[in-house]
Amino acid sequence: MVRIEEEGIQKITQKQYNKQRERLLEIAKNSDFIIDASDETLNREIGECCNLVFSEENLEEELMIVHATDYFPKGGEIRTSRNSNVIQGNEEYGKNFSHRNTLHFSLNHRVTANDGGDWSDMKYIIMMPFKDLDKTNLASLNEVDSYVEGNLPLSHNTLILVNEENYEELSEEQRKEYNFIKFKGDAKVAVQEALILLGKKPQRSSMHSFNNETNQRIMLNYRMELSKKLNRNLSKSHFGSVYHLLENKTMIRDRILYMLRDGRVPDTRYQEQDITFDEVEKIIGEIEDSQYGHLDFLNKYILSGIEKTENGEYRLLSDDENLERAKRMWGKGSDSIDEIYYDEYNQSYQQELEKKKEADKFREEERKKQELIEKRRRILDKKYGETLSIEEEQELETMKREYLMDLERISEDGEMAYRLNSDGELYLGVSDEKTYYRILDLMKQNERNV
């Protein structure tokens, strides 16, 4: 059964984890301690320490925020691209101040490169206990891409991983602000080693969630509970959110204005700005011709941050004004972000609840099967004088037929791989990642007939 194999894997992983933690704690006694993530053999061993199952009762204690960046924190916080005065684009296609005012992070791992970017060469990897996070501005909670609205304040428990070469560039004042660990080699592995050193559980991830399915379920339950507590849909991804829509459309608007205004970068991040009717027509026309042409006229104005004043003139709203207007118009009259996706939140919450019920039902069925198998093993050992009922015998036969049918199907699908666990029980699996190793029969070796 899958459950038995997972327990076996967890034991092996925990043993390797303990071994590496002892090694790291010993090395860390040296004042010149540097995490060496350049040894491929050792890196593979560190990778084997990943995906330990979280404790549901102490989840917040086990979660760590991980944020990779080229910008050193200022004023005790990580600042958003908007608040860091980041300018995007070029002279050919136009320039704009970044309007992104969300700060993103992953949990218990550093994300790998994807369509959203590549963080492998960032100067700093900032790590902070999730329990220290002020949840007030938390907009989304996802293992791979969580984010808050605005800057992210850092606690005194913050740790910064920095490449040994970049560490030399830091001023004495900066070095006194936070705890640092220097590293060399693979930054992703360095994060795993730092987490192990701190007694946390490093994870691997896919595009949207942890690889470990048990941890996926634990995070789902926690996200649902926290969403209810905050009255906010924390399942909403950044892509397609009100933040994403506004920052992208104001970017298009600003680059058009850059071209129209002889290379002057418009700045409406913090204050409104006048705009002519001719410029408004040009902006709306460009959006009409883009992939967002299906938007209605009103939404083009909202997304572009344009407002017509009482005297018939036009102005560009500041980012905060534009966001609040979008919240009101898309949030059924509410000033709160909580209302924007209210119907969608209720629907997704119910869907997640149904999935959880189905998963719990499946686990209960698997538990009963496991108990029955264990009972049969005890009978085979002739230790307790137990007997099986007719119903239990029938259930075992049904299970055995299902396993044999699985064997036939898998044999046709592709390459098979056999292995024995520590108890001498046979597992069967396939080479692709979609299929777990399966137990064909849990009887002792001399009782098997596979």
Protein backbone atom coordinates (compact mmCIF):
# COMPACT_ATOMS: atom_id res chain seq x y z
CA MET A 1 0.00 0.00 0.00
CA VAL A 2 1.09 3.59 -0.71
CA ARG A 3 0.77 4.50 2.95
CA ILE A 4 3.27 1.87 4.07
CA GLU A 5 5.79 2.91 1.45
CA GLU A 6 5.47 6.58 2.41
CA GLU A 7 6.13 5.73 6.05
CA GLY A 8 9.24 3.79 5.00
CA ILE A 9 10.48 6.69 2.87
CA GLN A 10 9.86 9.10 5.74
CA LYS A 11 11.99 6.97 8.09
CA ILE A 12 14.86 6.90 5.60
CA THR A 13 14.53 10.64 4.96
CA GLN A 14 14.46 11.41 8.69
CA LYS A 15 17.60 9.33 9.25
CA GLN A 16 19.44 11.18 6.46
CA TYR A 17 18.11 14.51 7.77
CA ASN A 18 19.43 13.81 11.29
CA LYS A 19 22.82 12.83 9.89
CA GLN A 20 23.16 16.05 7.87
CA ARG A 21 21.93 18.23 10.73
CA GLU A 22 24.57 16.81 13.06
CA ARG A 23 27.20 17.54 10.41
CA LEU A 24 26.01 21.11 9.89
CA LEU A 25 25.74 21.87 13.62
CA GLU A 26 29.31 20.70 14.08
CA ILE A 27 30.61 22.81 11.18
CA ALA A 28 28.60 25.85 12.37
CA LYS A 29 30.68 25.96 15.58
CA ASN A 30 33.44 27.49 13.45
CA SER A 31 33.24 31.29 13.37
CA ASP A 32 34.19 31.25 9.66
CA PHE A 33 31.35 28.85 8.86
CA ILE A 34 30.36 28.76 5.16
CA ILE A 35 27.74 26.48 3.64
CA ASP A 36 29.49 24.60 0.84
CA ALA A 37 26.87 23.68 -1.78
CA SER A 38 29.41 23.06 -4.54
CA ASP A 39 29.97 19.32 -3.94
CA GLU A 40 27.61 17.38 -6.24
CA THR A 41 27.76 14.18 -4.15
CA LEU A 42 26.94 16.04 -0.94
CA ASN A 43 24.25 18.04 -2.74
CA ARG A 44 22.51 14.80 -3.71
CA GLU A 45 22.62 13.67 -0.08
CA ILE A 46 21.11 16.98 1.02
CA GLY A 47 18.39 16.53 -1.59
CA GLU A 48 17.48 13.22 0.06
CA CYS A 49 16.60 15.15 3.23
CA CYS A 50 13.71 16.99 1.56
CA ASN A 51 9.95 16.43 1.80
CA LEU A 52 9.62 15.39 5.43
CA VAL A 53 5.98 15.61 6.50
CA PHE A 54 4.93 18.68 8.50
CA SER A 55 3.22 18.58 11.86
CA GLU A 56 -0.35 19.87 11.47
CA GLU A 57 -0.41 20.98 15.10
CA ASN A 58 2.81 23.03 14.81
CA LEU A 59 2.70 23.99 11.14
CA GLU A 60 3.37 27.71 11.64
CA GLU A 61 6.47 26.83 13.66
CA GLU A 62 7.80 24.68 10.81
CA LEU A 63 7.17 27.06 7.91
CA MET A 64 9.88 29.46 6.71
CA ILE A 65 9.46 32.35 4.30
CA VAL A 66 12.09 32.35 1.52
CA HIS A 67 12.58 35.40 -0.73
CA ALA A 68 15.43 35.77 -3.27
CA THR A 69 16.36 39.30 -4.33
CA ASP A 70 19.13 41.59 -5.54
CA TYR A 71 17.97 44.37 -3.21
CA PHE A 72 19.12 44.57 0.40
CA PRO A 73 16.29 45.25 2.91
CA LYS A 74 15.79 48.88 3.90
CA GLY A 75 14.24 50.18 7.08
CA GLY A 76 13.75 46.67 8.45
CA GLU A 77 11.61 45.47 5.55
CA ILE A 78 11.76 44.00 2.05
CA ARG A 79 10.40 46.63 -0.32
CA THR A 80 8.24 46.02 -3.36
CA SER A 81 9.43 46.86 -6.87
CA ARG A 82 7.20 49.95 -6.83
CA ASN A 83 8.67 51.19 -3.56
CA SER A 84 12.21 50.39 -4.74
CA ASN A 85 11.92 52.80 -7.71
CA VAL A 86 12.47 50.03 -10.25
CA ILE A 87 12.26 51.24 -13.88
CA GLN A 88 11.31 48.66 -16.51
CA GLY A 89 11.46 48.57 -20.32
CA ASN A 90 13.73 50.28 -22.82
CA GLU A 91 13.84 53.23 -25.23
CA GLU A 92 12.53 51.21 -28.15
CA TYR A 93 9.35 49.90 -26.49
CA GLY A 94 8.96 52.47 -23.74
CA LYS A 95 9.87 52.75 -20.08
CA ASN A 96 7.83 52.80 -16.89
CA PHE A 97 8.17 52.79 -13.13
CA SER A 98 7.14 49.40 -11.80
CA HIS A 99 3.63 49.44 -10.36
CA ARG A 100 4.02 46.07 -8.65
CA ASN A 101 3.21 46.65 -4.99
CA THR A 102 3.04 43.02 -3.90
CA LEU A 103 5.93 41.19 -2.25
CA HIS A 104 6.26 37.50 -3.10
CA PHE A 105 7.85 34.56 -1.29
CA SER A 106 7.93 30.76 -1.24
CA LEU A 107 7.79 28.40 1.74
CA ASN A 108 10.65 26.13 2.87
CA HIS A 109 12.44 26.20 -0.47
CA ARG A 110 13.82 28.55 -3.09
CA VAL A 111 11.75 28.39 -6.23
CA THR A 112 13.34 27.25 -9.48
CA ALA A 113 13.22 29.24 -12.72
CA ASN A 114 9.81 29.39 -14.42
CA ASP A 115 7.75 31.65 -16.70
CA GLY A 116 7.66 34.25 -13.92
CA GLY A 117 11.44 34.63 -13.70
CA ASP A 118 14.77 33.14 -12.66
CA TRP A 119 16.07 33.69 -9.13
CA SER A 120 19.16 31.46 -9.27
CA ASP A 121 21.70 34.30 -9.29
CA MET A 122 20.10 36.71 -6.81
CA LYS A 123 22.50 38.27 -4.29
CA TYR A 124 20.44 37.68 -1.16
CA ILE A 125 18.11 34.92 0.02
CA ILE A 126 16.06 36.26 2.91
CA MET A 127 14.53 33.73 5.31
CA MET A 128 12.09 34.48 8.12
CA PRO A 129 9.84 32.26 10.28
CA PHE A 130 6.31 32.31 8.89
CA LYS A 131 4.95 32.67 12.43
CA ASP A 132 6.58 36.13 12.55
CA LEU A 133 4.65 37.34 9.49
CA ASP A 134 2.01 40.01 10.05
CA LYS A 135 -0.99 38.38 8.33
CA THR A 136 -2.84 41.71 7.98
CA ASN A 137 -1.71 42.27 4.39
CA LEU A 138 -1.40 38.62 3.36
CA ALA A 139 -3.15 38.37 -0.01
CA SER A 140 -2.33 34.80 -1.06
CA LEU A 141 -0.88 31.72 0.62
CA ASN A 142 0.71 29.21 -1.71
CA GLU A 143 3.71 26.95 -1.22
CA VAL A 144 5.42 28.31 -4.33
CA ASP A 145 4.10 31.88 -4.67
CA SER A 146 2.60 33.57 -1.61
CA TYR A 147 2.42 37.35 -1.48
CA VAL A 148 1.51 40.31 0.71
CA GLU A 149 0.21 43.71 -0.34
CA GLY A 150 2.96 46.28 0.21
CA ASN A 151 6.35 45.86 1.85
CA LEU A 152 7.20 42.87 4.06
CA PRO A 153 8.44 43.82 7.56
CA LEU A 154 11.23 41.55 8.86
CA SER A 155 11.51 40.20 12.39
CA HIS A 156 14.63 39.87 14.55
CA ASN A 157 14.63 36.15 13.64
CA THR A 158 15.42 36.94 10.00
CA LEU A 159 18.38 35.15 8.42
CA ILE A 160 20.04 36.22 5.17
CA LEU A 161 21.92 33.76 3.00
CA VAL A 162 24.52 35.52 0.89
CA ASN A 163 27.16 34.27 -1.54
CA GLU A 164 30.61 34.72 0.03
CA GLU A 165 31.64 37.11 -2.76
CA ASN A 166 28.56 39.31 -2.30
CA TYR A 167 29.08 39.36 1.47
CA GLU A 168 32.29 41.34 0.96
CA GLU A 169 30.24 44.08 -0.73
CA LEU A 170 28.12 44.68 2.39
CA SER A 171 28.89 47.63 4.63
CA GLU A 172 29.67 47.16 8.33
CA GLU A 173 26.31 48.74 9.14
CA GLN A 174 24.45 46.28 6.93
CA ARG A 175 26.27 43.32 8.49
CA LYS A 176 25.07 44.38 11.92
CA GLU A 177 21.39 44.56 10.89
CA TYR A 178 20.72 40.86 10.37
CA ASN A 179 22.09 37.37 10.94
CA PHE A 180 24.03 36.13 7.91
CA ILE A 181 25.19 32.76 6.63
CA LYS A 182 27.66 32.80 3.76
CA PHE A 183 27.55 30.11 1.11
CA LYS A 184 29.19 29.02 -2.12
CA GLY A 185 27.82 26.83 -4.90
CA ASP A 186 24.17 26.01 -5.62
CA ALA A 187 21.88 28.56 -3.92
CA LYS A 188 18.92 26.16 -3.92
CA VAL A 189 20.91 23.54 -2.00
CA ALA A 190 22.30 26.23 0.32
CA VAL A 191 18.72 27.08 1.30
CA GLN A 192 18.02 23.40 2.01
CA GLU A 193 21.12 23.18 4.21
CA ALA A 194 20.22 26.38 6.07
CA LEU A 195 16.73 25.04 6.76
CA ILE A 196 18.18 21.77 8.08
CA LEU A 197 20.59 23.72 10.29
CA LEU A 198 17.61 25.65 11.72
CA GLY A 199 15.70 22.42 12.36
CA LYS A 200 13.17 23.16 9.62
CA LYS A 201 12.01 20.78 6.87
CA PRO A 202 13.15 21.69 3.33
CA GLN A 203 10.72 20.83 0.54
CA ARG A 204 10.73 20.27 -3.19
CA SER A 205 7.95 21.72 -5.30
CA SER A 206 6.22 21.52 -8.64
CA MET A 207 4.86 24.57 -10.44
CA HIS A 208 2.15 25.27 -7.85
CA SER A 209 2.65 23.15 -4.73
CA PHE A 210 4.89 20.89 -2.66
CA ASN A 211 5.79 17.51 -4.16
CA ASN A 212 4.81 15.70 -0.98
CA GLU A 213 1.06 14.99 -1.21
CA THR A 214 0.58 14.82 2.56
CA ASN A 215 2.08 18.29 2.90
CA GLN A 216 -0.17 19.48 0.06
CA ARG A 217 -3.18 18.35 2.11
CA ILE A 218 -1.83 19.92 5.31
CA MET A 219 -1.27 23.24 3.54
CA LEU A 220 -4.72 23.08 1.95
CA ASN A 221 -6.37 22.62 5.34
CA TYR A 222 -4.34 25.44 6.87
CA ARG A 223 -5.07 27.76 3.94
CA MET A 224 -8.80 27.08 4.26
CA GLU A 225 -8.75 27.77 8.01
CA LEU A 226 -6.72 30.97 7.63
CA SER A 227 -8.95 32.16 4.75
CA LYS A 228 -12.00 31.82 6.99
CA LYS A 229 -10.21 33.56 9.86
CA LEU A 230 -9.14 36.52 7.70
CA ASN A 231 -12.34 36.50 5.60
CA ARG A 232 -10.14 36.49 2.52
CA ASN A 233 -9.53 34.03 -0.32
CA LEU A 234 -5.89 33.06 0.13
CA SER A 235 -6.13 30.53 -2.71
CA LYS A 236 -6.17 33.21 -5.41
CA SER A 237 -2.97 33.26 -7.43
CA HIS A 238 -1.30 36.52 -8.39
CA PHE A 239 -1.92 35.95 -12.10
CA GLY A 240 -5.36 37.35 -12.93
CA SER A 241 -5.75 39.07 -9.55
CA VAL A 242 -6.68 42.75 -9.25
CA TYR A 243 -3.03 43.51 -8.43
CA HIS A 244 -1.74 41.72 -11.53
CA LEU A 245 -4.29 43.32 -13.84
CA LEU A 246 -3.63 46.86 -12.64
CA GLU A 247 0.16 46.64 -12.65
CA ASN A 248 0.20 45.24 -16.19
CA LYS A 249 -2.27 47.69 -17.74
CA THR A 250 -0.68 50.72 -16.08
CA MET A 251 2.64 49.46 -17.48
CA ILE A 252 1.16 49.48 -21.02
CA ARG A 253 -0.31 52.94 -20.38
CA ASP A 254 2.98 54.38 -19.09
CA ARG A 255 5.00 53.04 -22.02
CA ILE A 256 2.57 54.63 -24.45
CA LEU A 257 2.90 57.94 -22.60
CA TYR A 258 6.70 57.56 -22.63
CA MET A 259 6.58 57.51 -26.42
CA LEU A 260 4.09 60.39 -26.61
CA ARG A 261 6.03 62.56 -24.17
CA ASP A 262 9.48 62.42 -25.78
CA GLY A 263 11.02 59.87 -23.43
CA ARG A 264 9.79 61.22 -20.09
CA VAL A 265 8.89 58.37 -17.74
CA PRO A 266 5.45 59.11 -16.22
CA ASP A 267 5.19 58.52 -12.47
CA THR A 268 1.76 58.00 -10.92
CA ARG A 269 2.84 55.65 -8.17
CA TYR A 270 2.12 58.03 -5.32
CA GLN A 271 0.29 61.01 -6.79
CA GLU A 272 -2.19 61.74 -9.58
CA GLN A 273 -1.16 63.31 -12.88
CA ASP A 274 -2.98 65.28 -15.58
CA ILE A 275 -3.52 63.71 -19.00
CA THR A 276 -4.94 65.11 -22.23
CA PHE A 277 -7.96 63.74 -24.10
CA ASP A 278 -5.73 62.90 -27.09
CA GLU A 279 -3.49 60.81 -24.82
CA VAL A 280 -6.55 59.05 -23.36
CA GLU A 281 -7.76 58.13 -26.86
CA LYS A 282 -4.34 56.79 -27.79
CA ILE A 283 -4.10 54.65 -24.63
CA ILE A 284 -7.60 53.19 -24.98
CA GLY A 285 -6.97 52.51 -28.65
CA GLU A 286 -3.74 50.65 -27.92
CA ILE A 287 -5.45 48.49 -25.29
CA GLU A 288 -8.28 47.87 -27.78
CA ASP A 289 -5.76 46.54 -30.29
CA SER A 290 -3.95 44.38 -27.74
CA GLN A 291 -4.86 40.92 -26.44
CA TYR A 292 -7.07 42.67 -23.90
CA GLY A 293 -9.34 44.14 -26.57
CA HIS A 294 -12.28 42.10 -25.31
CA LEU A 295 -12.51 44.29 -22.20
CA ASP A 296 -15.48 46.66 -22.06
CA PHE A 297 -14.92 50.42 -22.21
CA LEU A 298 -15.35 50.99 -18.46
CA ASN A 299 -12.81 48.35 -17.52
CA LYS A 300 -10.28 49.84 -19.94
CA TYR A 301 -10.55 53.08 -18.01
CA ILE A 302 -10.26 51.32 -14.65
CA LEU A 303 -7.28 49.20 -15.65
CA SER A 304 -5.53 52.21 -17.14
CA GLY A 305 -6.06 54.30 -14.02
CA ILE A 306 -7.90 57.03 -15.96
CA GLU A 307 -10.60 59.19 -14.39
CA LYS A 308 -12.76 61.94 -15.90
CA THR A 309 -13.12 64.88 -13.54
CA GLU A 310 -16.31 66.90 -12.93
CA ASN A 311 -15.13 69.72 -15.21
CA GLY A 312 -14.66 67.28 -18.10
CA GLU A 313 -10.89 66.98 -17.88
CA TYR A 314 -8.92 63.75 -17.41
CA ARG A 315 -6.37 62.62 -14.87
CA LEU A 316 -4.32 59.52 -14.03
CA LEU A 317 -4.98 58.19 -10.55
CA SER A 318 -2.19 57.26 -8.18
CA ASP A 319 -1.65 53.53 -7.65
CA ASP A 320 -3.43 53.49 -4.31
CA GLU A 321 -6.41 55.47 -5.66
CA ASN A 322 -6.63 53.19 -8.67
CA LEU A 323 -6.51 50.04 -6.53
CA GLU A 324 -9.23 51.29 -4.19
CA ARG A 325 -11.45 52.27 -7.12
CA ALA A 326 -11.00 48.82 -8.67
CA LYS A 327 -11.88 47.21 -5.34
CA ARG A 328 -15.06 49.28 -5.06
CA MET A 329 -16.22 48.70 -8.62
CA TRP A 330 -15.31 45.02 -8.76
CA GLY A 331 -16.04 44.31 -5.12
CA LYS A 332 -19.80 44.96 -5.12
CA GLY A 333 -19.46 48.35 -3.50
CA SER A 334 -16.99 47.28 -0.84
CA ASP A 335 -13.72 49.05 -0.12
CA SER A 336 -12.27 45.73 1.01
CA ILE A 337 -10.33 43.24 -1.08
CA ASP A 338 -12.28 40.56 0.80
CA GLU A 339 -15.33 41.11 -1.42
CA ILE A 340 -13.66 41.07 -4.83
CA TYR A 341 -13.68 37.35 -5.33
CA TYR A 342 -16.40 36.58 -2.77
CA ASP A 343 -18.46 34.27 -4.99
CA GLU A 344 -15.36 32.63 -6.39
CA TYR A 345 -13.99 32.18 -2.87
CA ASN A 346 -17.16 30.46 -1.66
CA GLN A 347 -17.13 28.20 -4.69
CA SER A 348 -13.45 27.28 -4.40
CA TYR A 349 -13.81 26.79 -0.65
CA GLN A 350 -16.65 24.30 -1.14
CA GLN A 351 -14.69 22.50 -3.85
CA GLU A 352 -11.66 22.22 -1.58
CA LEU A 353 -13.91 21.02 1.24
CA GLU A 354 -15.35 18.27 -0.97
CA LYS A 355 -11.86 17.22 -2.04
CA LYS A 356 -10.82 17.05 1.60
CA LYS A 357 -13.82 14.85 2.44
CA GLU A 358 -13.01 12.52 -0.44
CA ALA A 359 -9.36 12.35 0.63
CA ASP A 360 -10.35 11.62 4.24
CA LYS A 361 -12.74 8.88 3.07
CA PHE A 362 -10.01 7.33 0.91
CA ARG A 363 -7.49 7.41 3.78
CA GLU A 364 -10.01 5.75 6.10
CA GLU A 365 -10.62 2.97 3.57
CA GLU A 366 -6.87 2.50 3.17
CA ARG A 367 -6.47 2.37 6.94
CA LYS A 368 -9.07 -0.39 7.25
CA LYS A 369 -7.38 -2.37 4.47
CA GLN A 370 -4.06 -2.00 6.22
CA GLU A 371 -5.52 -3.25 9.50
CA LEU A 372 -6.92 -6.28 7.70
CA ILE A 373 -3.56 -7.04 6.07
CA GLU A 374 -1.80 -6.72 9.42
CA LYS A 375 -4.32 -9.12 10.96
CA ARG A 376 -3.60 -11.67 8.23
CA ARG A 377 0.12 -11.36 8.84
CA ARG A 378 -0.37 -12.00 12.53
CA ILE A 379 -2.37 -15.13 11.68
CA LEU A 380 0.41 -16.32 9.36
CA ASP A 381 2.90 -15.79 12.20
CA LYS A 382 0.64 -17.97 14.39
CA LYS A 383 1.30 -15.80 17.41
CA TYR A 384 -2.10 -14.63 18.55
CA GLY A 385 -4.57 -17.34 17.59
CA GLU A 386 -6.72 -14.94 15.57
CA THR A 387 -9.04 -16.01 12.75
CA LEU A 388 -10.53 -14.20 9.76
CA SER A 389 -14.25 -13.87 9.24
CA ILE A 390 -15.83 -14.85 5.92
CA GLU A 391 -16.28 -11.14 5.10
CA GLU A 392 -12.61 -10.46 5.82
CA GLU A 393 -11.51 -13.39 3.65
CA GLN A 394 -13.64 -12.04 0.79
CA GLU A 395 -12.21 -8.55 1.25
CA LEU A 396 -8.65 -9.90 1.06
CA GLU A 397 -9.42 -11.83 -2.11
CA THR A 398 -10.91 -8.70 -3.68
CA MET A 399 -7.82 -6.71 -2.77
CA LYS A 400 -5.55 -9.38 -4.22
CA ARG A 401 -7.47 -9.42 -7.51
CA GLU A 402 -7.19 -5.62 -7.72
CA TYR A 403 -3.43 -5.81 -7.20
CA LEU A 404 -3.04 -8.47 -9.89
CA MET A 405 -5.13 -6.42 -12.34
CA ASP A 406 -2.90 -3.45 -11.54
CA LEU A 407 0.12 -5.61 -12.25
CA GLU A 408 -1.22 -6.55 -15.68
CA ARG A 409 -2.01 -2.93 -16.53
CA ILE A 410 1.38 -1.64 -15.38
CA SER A 411 3.17 -4.43 -17.24
CA GLU A 412 1.57 -3.23 -20.47
CA ASP A 413 2.31 0.44 -19.74
CA GLY A 414 6.05 0.28 -19.39
CA GLU A 415 9.17 -0.70 -17.52
CA MET A 416 8.68 -2.30 -14.08
CA ALA A 417 10.98 -1.98 -11.09
CA TYR A 418 11.00 -4.26 -8.06
CA ARG A 419 12.48 -3.68 -4.65
CA LEU A 420 12.18 -4.97 -1.09
CA ASN A 421 11.65 -2.82 1.97
CA SER A 422 13.34 -3.43 5.34
CA ASP A 423 10.71 -6.04 6.28
CA GLY A 424 11.26 -8.04 3.10
CA GLU A 425 7.94 -6.92 1.60
CA LEU A 426 7.72 -6.65 -2.16
CA TYR A 427 6.91 -3.36 -3.87
CA LEU A 428 6.16 -2.86 -7.55
CA GLY A 429 6.46 0.43 -9.39
CA VAL A 430 6.97 1.96 -12.80
CA SER A 431 9.60 4.32 -14.09
CA ASP A 432 7.32 7.32 -14.67
CA GLU A 433 6.52 9.78 -11.89
CA LYS A 434 2.75 9.34 -12.17
CA THR A 435 2.63 5.90 -10.58
CA TYR A 436 3.60 5.09 -7.02
CA TYR A 437 5.28 1.88 -6.06
CA ARG A 438 2.55 -0.60 -5.19
CA ILE A 439 2.56 -3.56 -2.86
CA LEU A 440 1.54 -6.69 -4.69
CA ASP A 441 1.25 -8.88 -1.63
CA LEU A 442 2.12 -8.36 1.99
CA MET A 443 2.51 -12.02 2.86
CA LYS A 444 5.92 -13.32 3.85
CA GLN A 445 8.33 -14.40 1.11
CA ASN A 446 7.59 -18.12 1.48
CA GLU A 447 3.83 -17.45 1.36
CA ARG A 448 3.90 -15.37 -1.86
CA ASN A 449 2.61 -16.56 -5.21
CA VAL A 450 3.11 -13.63 -7.56
